[in-house]
Amino acid sequence: MSIALKPIIQAVLFSSPHPIKEEELYGLIQKEHPEIENALILEALKELQYEYQTDKYGIEIQQTGSGYSFVSKAAYYPYIVHYIETIQKRRLSKSALETLSIIAFQPDCTKLDMETIRGVSSDYAIERLLERELIEISGRKDTPGHPTTYRTTEKFLDYFGIHSIEDLPRLTDIQVYENELGTPTEETNAE
């Protein structure tokens, strides 16, 4: 029976979140196939390493002090950086989402309005949302201190894939489900 070592090695290296030492690889393979010698496994690993050095692949098998792992080739780093930047731009933190939802449902609200609802400072979230152009300053409130007011932008609509702010559900239509853990209900209060 002939064992295809290269696919086994590829699968192990690909699925591992950390570099794999030679000894660890030997143990993993020999657990299923004790008849395979270390030298044969090492030879298959070295052949794979050589094959991945060609221009045919955007990745390679790198050996470090910690072991072997798949890494992207340096020539493709600019593409990876662009990809990571777009992923980071797409994601919003929980605090930014909370702040953004307050502004979406209460246009022309102030920082104090947001902080009253959230119970924490909204400075950082507002700054990030302004940088990403998801909100904008809409004016100043006619109250003491004339605080700045905020509203969502067209980029907000694009980000969430909606046509207009009217496409958002009405607050009265949103059902709030009670937290089942630790929330007193009428039944527990009656006892």
Protein backbone atom coordinates (compact mmCIF):
# COMPACT_ATOMS: atom_id res chain seq x y z
CA MET A 1 0.00 0.00 0.00
CA SER A 2 1.42 3.36 -1.03
CA ILE A 3 0.68 6.34 1.20
CA ALA A 4 0.48 9.81 -0.39
CA LEU A 5 2.51 11.74 2.16
CA LYS A 6 2.47 15.13 0.45
CA PRO A 7 -1.31 15.67 0.74
CA ILE A 8 -1.17 14.60 4.39
CA ILE A 9 1.63 17.07 5.11
CA GLN A 10 -0.19 19.84 3.20
CA ALA A 11 -3.41 19.22 5.15
CA VAL A 12 -1.63 19.24 8.51
CA LEU A 13 0.39 22.40 7.77
CA PHE A 14 -2.66 24.16 6.33
CA SER A 15 -4.89 23.39 9.31
CA SER A 16 -2.34 24.17 12.01
CA PRO A 17 -2.56 27.61 13.66
CA HIS A 18 1.13 27.35 14.61
CA PRO A 19 4.31 26.01 12.98
CA ILE A 20 4.72 22.23 13.12
CA LYS A 21 8.02 20.72 14.25
CA GLU A 22 9.42 17.75 12.33
CA GLU A 23 8.99 15.48 15.36
CA GLU A 24 5.35 16.52 15.72
CA LEU A 25 4.73 15.81 12.03
CA TYR A 26 6.40 12.41 12.34
CA GLY A 27 4.20 11.55 15.32
CA LEU A 28 0.99 12.66 13.59
CA ILE A 29 1.66 10.60 10.47
CA GLN A 30 3.09 7.57 12.27
CA LYS A 31 0.06 7.40 14.54
CA GLU A 32 -1.94 6.29 11.48
CA HIS A 33 0.99 4.69 9.60
CA PRO A 34 3.65 3.45 12.05
CA GLU A 35 5.54 1.74 9.22
CA ILE A 36 6.57 5.06 7.61
CA GLU A 37 10.07 6.13 8.60
CA ASN A 38 11.02 9.66 9.62
CA ALA A 39 13.41 10.00 6.67
CA LEU A 40 10.58 9.34 4.19
CA ILE A 41 8.34 11.97 5.84
CA LEU A 42 11.18 14.51 5.88
CA GLU A 43 11.92 13.81 2.21
CA ALA A 44 8.25 14.44 1.26
CA LEU A 45 8.27 17.65 3.32
CA LYS A 46 11.43 18.92 1.61
CA GLU A 47 9.99 18.07 -1.84
CA LEU A 48 6.85 20.04 -1.00
CA GLN A 49 8.94 22.93 0.22
CA TYR A 50 10.82 22.93 -3.11
CA GLU A 51 7.58 22.67 -5.17
CA TYR A 52 6.02 25.64 -3.40
CA GLN A 53 9.04 27.83 -4.24
CA THR A 54 7.97 27.98 -7.88
CA ASP A 55 5.97 30.89 -9.31
CA LYS A 56 2.99 28.55 -9.60
CA TYR A 57 1.99 29.28 -5.97
CA GLY A 58 1.42 32.44 -3.95
CA ILE A 59 2.34 30.61 -0.77
CA GLU A 60 5.36 28.66 0.42
CA ILE A 61 6.37 26.39 3.25
CA GLN A 62 8.61 28.31 5.60
CA GLN A 63 10.90 26.72 8.16
CA THR A 64 11.58 28.67 11.33
CA GLY A 65 12.91 27.73 14.73
CA SER A 66 9.34 26.84 15.69
CA GLY A 67 8.82 24.46 12.78
CA TYR A 68 7.17 24.48 9.34
CA SER A 69 4.15 26.49 8.24
CA PHE A 70 2.45 27.88 5.16
CA VAL A 71 3.11 31.59 4.62
CA SER A 72 2.34 34.05 1.86
CA LYS A 73 5.22 34.89 -0.44
CA ALA A 74 6.70 38.35 0.10
CA ALA A 75 5.93 39.39 -3.50
CA TYR A 76 2.21 39.27 -2.66
CA TYR A 77 2.30 41.30 0.56
CA PRO A 78 0.87 44.47 -1.09
CA TYR A 79 -2.26 42.52 -2.09
CA ILE A 80 -2.60 41.05 1.37
CA VAL A 81 -2.22 44.50 2.96
CA HIS A 82 -4.98 45.88 0.71
CA TYR A 83 -7.21 42.95 1.60
CA ILE A 84 -6.63 43.37 5.34
CA GLU A 85 -7.31 47.09 5.07
CA THR A 86 -10.65 46.46 3.34
CA ILE A 87 -11.61 43.89 5.97
CA GLN A 88 -10.75 46.32 8.76
CA LYS A 89 -12.70 49.07 7.04
CA ARG A 90 -15.76 46.86 6.78
CA ARG A 91 -15.89 45.90 10.43
CA LEU A 92 -17.33 48.16 13.07
CA SER A 93 -16.78 47.72 16.78
CA LYS A 94 -19.71 47.09 19.08
CA SER A 95 -19.46 50.62 20.49
CA ALA A 96 -19.39 52.11 16.97
CA LEU A 97 -22.45 50.05 15.98
CA GLU A 98 -24.31 51.16 19.10
CA THR A 99 -23.46 54.79 18.49
CA LEU A 100 -24.33 54.54 14.81
CA SER A 101 -27.71 52.98 15.55
CA ILE A 102 -28.55 55.79 17.97
CA ILE A 103 -27.69 58.39 15.33
CA ALA A 104 -29.64 56.48 12.65
CA PHE A 105 -32.78 56.26 14.79
CA GLN A 106 -32.43 59.72 16.34
CA PRO A 107 -30.99 62.06 13.70
CA ASP A 108 -29.56 65.33 14.96
CA CYS A 109 -28.73 63.89 18.37
CA THR A 110 -25.84 65.14 20.45
CA LYS A 111 -22.94 63.33 22.08
CA LEU A 112 -24.70 63.74 25.44
CA ASP A 113 -27.84 62.07 23.99
CA MET A 114 -25.74 59.12 22.85
CA GLU A 115 -23.89 58.81 26.13
CA THR A 116 -27.15 58.97 28.08
CA ILE A 117 -28.52 56.04 26.07
CA ARG A 118 -25.29 54.01 26.04
CA GLY A 119 -24.18 54.83 29.58
CA VAL A 120 -20.54 55.29 28.48
CA SER A 121 -18.44 57.82 26.60
CA SER A 122 -18.97 57.90 22.85
CA ASP A 123 -15.96 60.06 21.93
CA TYR A 124 -13.93 57.30 20.29
CA ALA A 125 -16.90 55.80 18.43
CA ILE A 126 -17.95 59.20 17.08
CA GLU A 127 -14.38 59.92 15.96
CA ARG A 128 -14.14 56.59 14.10
CA LEU A 129 -17.56 57.01 12.48
CA LEU A 130 -16.63 60.52 11.32
CA GLU A 131 -13.32 59.22 9.90
CA ARG A 132 -15.15 56.50 7.98
CA GLU A 133 -17.69 59.08 6.82
CA LEU A 134 -20.63 57.05 8.11
CA ILE A 135 -21.84 60.09 10.09
CA GLU A 136 -21.46 63.82 9.71
CA ILE A 137 -22.02 66.92 11.77
CA SER A 138 -25.52 68.16 11.04
CA GLY A 139 -25.38 71.38 13.04
CA ARG A 140 -25.68 72.66 16.59
CA LYS A 141 -28.52 72.32 19.04
CA ASP A 142 -30.20 75.51 20.23
CA THR A 143 -29.54 74.76 23.90
CA PRO A 144 -26.93 76.06 26.36
CA GLY A 145 -23.45 75.33 25.05
CA HIS A 146 -24.80 74.72 21.53
CA PRO A 147 -23.68 71.07 21.35
CA THR A 148 -22.84 69.50 17.99
CA THR A 149 -25.50 67.28 16.41
CA TYR A 150 -24.88 64.28 14.14
CA ARG A 151 -26.67 62.40 11.36
CA THR A 152 -25.88 59.48 9.09
CA THR A 153 -24.46 59.92 5.57
CA GLU A 154 -24.97 58.31 2.18
CA LYS A 155 -21.95 56.10 2.95
CA PHE A 156 -23.96 54.76 5.89
CA LEU A 157 -26.72 53.76 3.46
CA ASP A 158 -24.18 52.10 1.15
CA TYR A 159 -22.47 50.32 4.04
CA PHE A 160 -25.73 48.73 5.18
CA GLY A 161 -27.17 48.33 1.68
CA ILE A 162 -30.29 50.41 2.22
CA HIS A 163 -31.86 52.97 -0.09
CA SER A 164 -32.87 55.57 2.48
CA ILE A 165 -33.08 56.08 6.23
CA GLU A 166 -36.82 55.38 5.95
CA ASP A 167 -35.95 51.75 5.09
CA LEU A 168 -34.86 51.21 8.70
CA PRO A 169 -37.48 49.51 10.87
CA ARG A 170 -39.44 51.76 13.19
CA LEU A 171 -38.45 51.50 16.83
CA THR A 172 -42.02 50.47 17.66
CA ASP A 173 -41.67 47.51 15.26
CA ILE A 174 -38.54 46.16 16.96
CA GLN A 175 -39.27 43.49 19.55
CA VAL A 176 -37.01 43.38 22.55
CA TYR A 177 -36.56 39.87 23.88
CA GLU A 178 -35.99 39.54 27.57
CA ASN A 179 -32.78 38.02 28.78
CA GLU A 180 -33.72 34.61 30.15
CA LEU A 181 -30.81 34.55 32.58
CA GLY A 182 -31.32 36.59 35.70
CA THR A 183 -34.27 38.58 34.41
CA PRO A 184 -37.22 38.44 36.73
CA THR A 185 -40.46 37.53 35.00
CA GLU A 186 -44.04 37.81 36.24
CA GLU A 187 -43.94 34.11 37.18
CA THR A 188 -40.83 34.45 39.38
CA ASN A 189 -42.14 37.64 40.94
CA ALA A 190 -45.42 35.92 41.86
CA GLU A 191 -43.64 33.19 43.83
